[in-house]
Structures are given as C-alpha cells and as structure tokens.
C-alpha cells in the first residue's frame, strides 16, 4: 500500500474517532471541513453535524497537489468570521 493511502487511512480513522467521541460524550464542538489539493474547497461550513462531517471525510481521496498554506489561511479566515 502506498504511503499516501496509508496517511489518508490514518487521517480518516483519526477524524472518525474524534467525531464518535464528540457524539458519544455530547460535546458541543463545531467543525468545518476544507479539502485542498491544487485548489481550496470548503466542504462544510461550521456545523455540529458530525455525521455529515464523517461522510465527507470518508469520501475524501488524495488527488495530488498541496495548497496547505492556502487551506490554513482559509481556515483562519473562517474562524475569524465565526468569532464575529
């Protein structure tokens, strides 16, 4: 199995475990999901709908390209909007 697919599997497992614990303990978190490769895509705005979040995470596939810093900038922008 390629390293890229192993990382994607580990990422999916981490976020699924996080979502399951959040749901199980009735924690009041909000989350947003941003996919990034050669472009930035906001998949979900901030929500408490962890089931929907898990579905999107499980459908994620590596596509190449890594606009990580652009994705982080977008996340910061969204957090600032949420804080208002």
Protein backbone atom coordinates (compact mmCIF):
# COMPACT_ATOMS: atom_id res chain seq x y z
CA UNK A 1 0.00 0.00 0.00
CA UNK A 2 1.35 3.43 -0.88
CA UNK A 3 2.37 5.87 1.84
CA UNK A 4 -0.18 8.37 0.53
CA UNK A 5 -3.05 5.91 1.00
CA UNK A 6 -1.77 4.91 4.46
CA UNK A 7 -1.78 8.57 5.54
CA UNK A 8 -5.29 9.06 4.17
CA UNK A 9 -6.49 5.98 6.05
CA UNK A 10 -4.91 7.21 9.29
CA UNK A 11 -6.46 10.66 8.81
CA UNK A 12 -9.91 9.17 8.22
CA UNK A 13 -9.57 6.92 11.28
CA UNK A 14 -8.49 9.88 13.45
CA UNK A 15 -11.40 12.09 12.42
CA UNK A 16 -13.92 9.26 12.72
CA UNK A 17 -12.70 8.52 16.26
CA UNK A 18 -12.86 12.24 17.12
CA UNK A 19 -16.40 12.50 15.75
CA UNK A 20 -17.54 9.32 17.54
CA UNK A 21 -16.20 10.57 20.89
CA UNK A 22 -17.73 14.00 20.38
CA UNK A 23 -21.11 12.46 19.61
CA UNK A 24 -20.82 9.89 22.40
CA UNK A 25 -19.97 12.45 25.08
CA UNK A 26 -22.44 15.05 23.72
CA UNK A 27 -19.66 17.64 23.41
CA UNK A 28 -20.62 20.98 21.91
CA UNK A 29 -17.97 21.33 19.22
CA UNK A 30 -18.38 22.96 15.85
CA UNK A 31 -16.27 21.82 12.93
CA UNK A 32 -15.63 22.78 9.35
CA UNK A 33 -14.05 20.74 6.60
CA UNK A 34 -11.71 22.12 3.94
CA UNK A 35 -10.29 19.94 1.18
CA UNK A 36 -7.18 21.12 -0.58
CA UNK A 37 -5.06 19.98 -3.49
CA UNK A 38 -4.31 22.46 -6.28
CA UNK A 39 -7.39 24.39 -5.09
CA UNK A 40 -9.25 25.04 -1.83
CA UNK A 41 -12.77 23.67 -1.32
CA UNK A 42 -14.85 24.40 1.77
CA UNK A 43 -16.81 21.15 2.03
CA UNK A 44 -18.80 22.06 5.14
CA UNK A 45 -19.23 25.36 6.92
CA UNK A 46 -19.06 25.28 10.71
CA UNK A 47 -21.56 22.76 11.99
CA UNK A 48 -22.33 20.41 14.84
CA UNK A 49 -23.45 17.75 12.34
CA UNK A 50 -20.66 15.26 12.92
CA UNK A 51 -22.44 12.51 10.95
CA UNK A 52 -22.36 14.66 7.80
CA UNK A 53 -18.73 15.55 8.52
CA UNK A 54 -17.79 11.86 8.84
CA UNK A 55 -19.46 11.07 5.50
CA UNK A 56 -17.43 13.76 3.73
CA UNK A 57 -14.18 12.66 5.39
CA UNK A 58 -14.78 9.04 4.41
CA UNK A 59 -15.32 10.05 0.77
CA UNK A 60 -12.08 12.05 0.61
CA UNK A 61 -9.43 10.79 -1.80
CA UNK A 62 -5.92 12.11 -2.43
CA UNK A 63 -5.72 14.00 -5.71
CA UNK A 64 -2.21 15.46 -5.70
CA UNK A 65 -1.03 18.97 -5.14
CA UNK A 66 -0.81 20.53 -1.71
CA UNK A 67 -2.07 24.05 -1.12
CA UNK A 68 -1.67 23.55 2.63
CA UNK A 69 -0.85 27.17 3.48
CA UNK A 70 -3.76 28.42 1.38
CA UNK A 71 -6.06 25.98 3.20
CA UNK A 72 -4.75 27.17 6.58
CA UNK A 73 -5.34 30.80 5.55
CA UNK A 74 -8.90 29.90 4.53
CA UNK A 75 -9.45 28.14 7.86
CA UNK A 76 -8.21 31.19 9.76
CA UNK A 77 -10.50 33.41 7.72
CA UNK A 78 -13.49 31.17 8.52
CA UNK A 79 -12.62 31.11 12.23
CA UNK A 80 -12.43 34.90 12.31
CA UNK A 81 -15.87 35.11 10.67
CA UNK A 82 -17.27 32.62 13.19
CA UNK A 83 -15.84 34.62 16.09
CA UNK A 84 -17.72 37.75 14.96
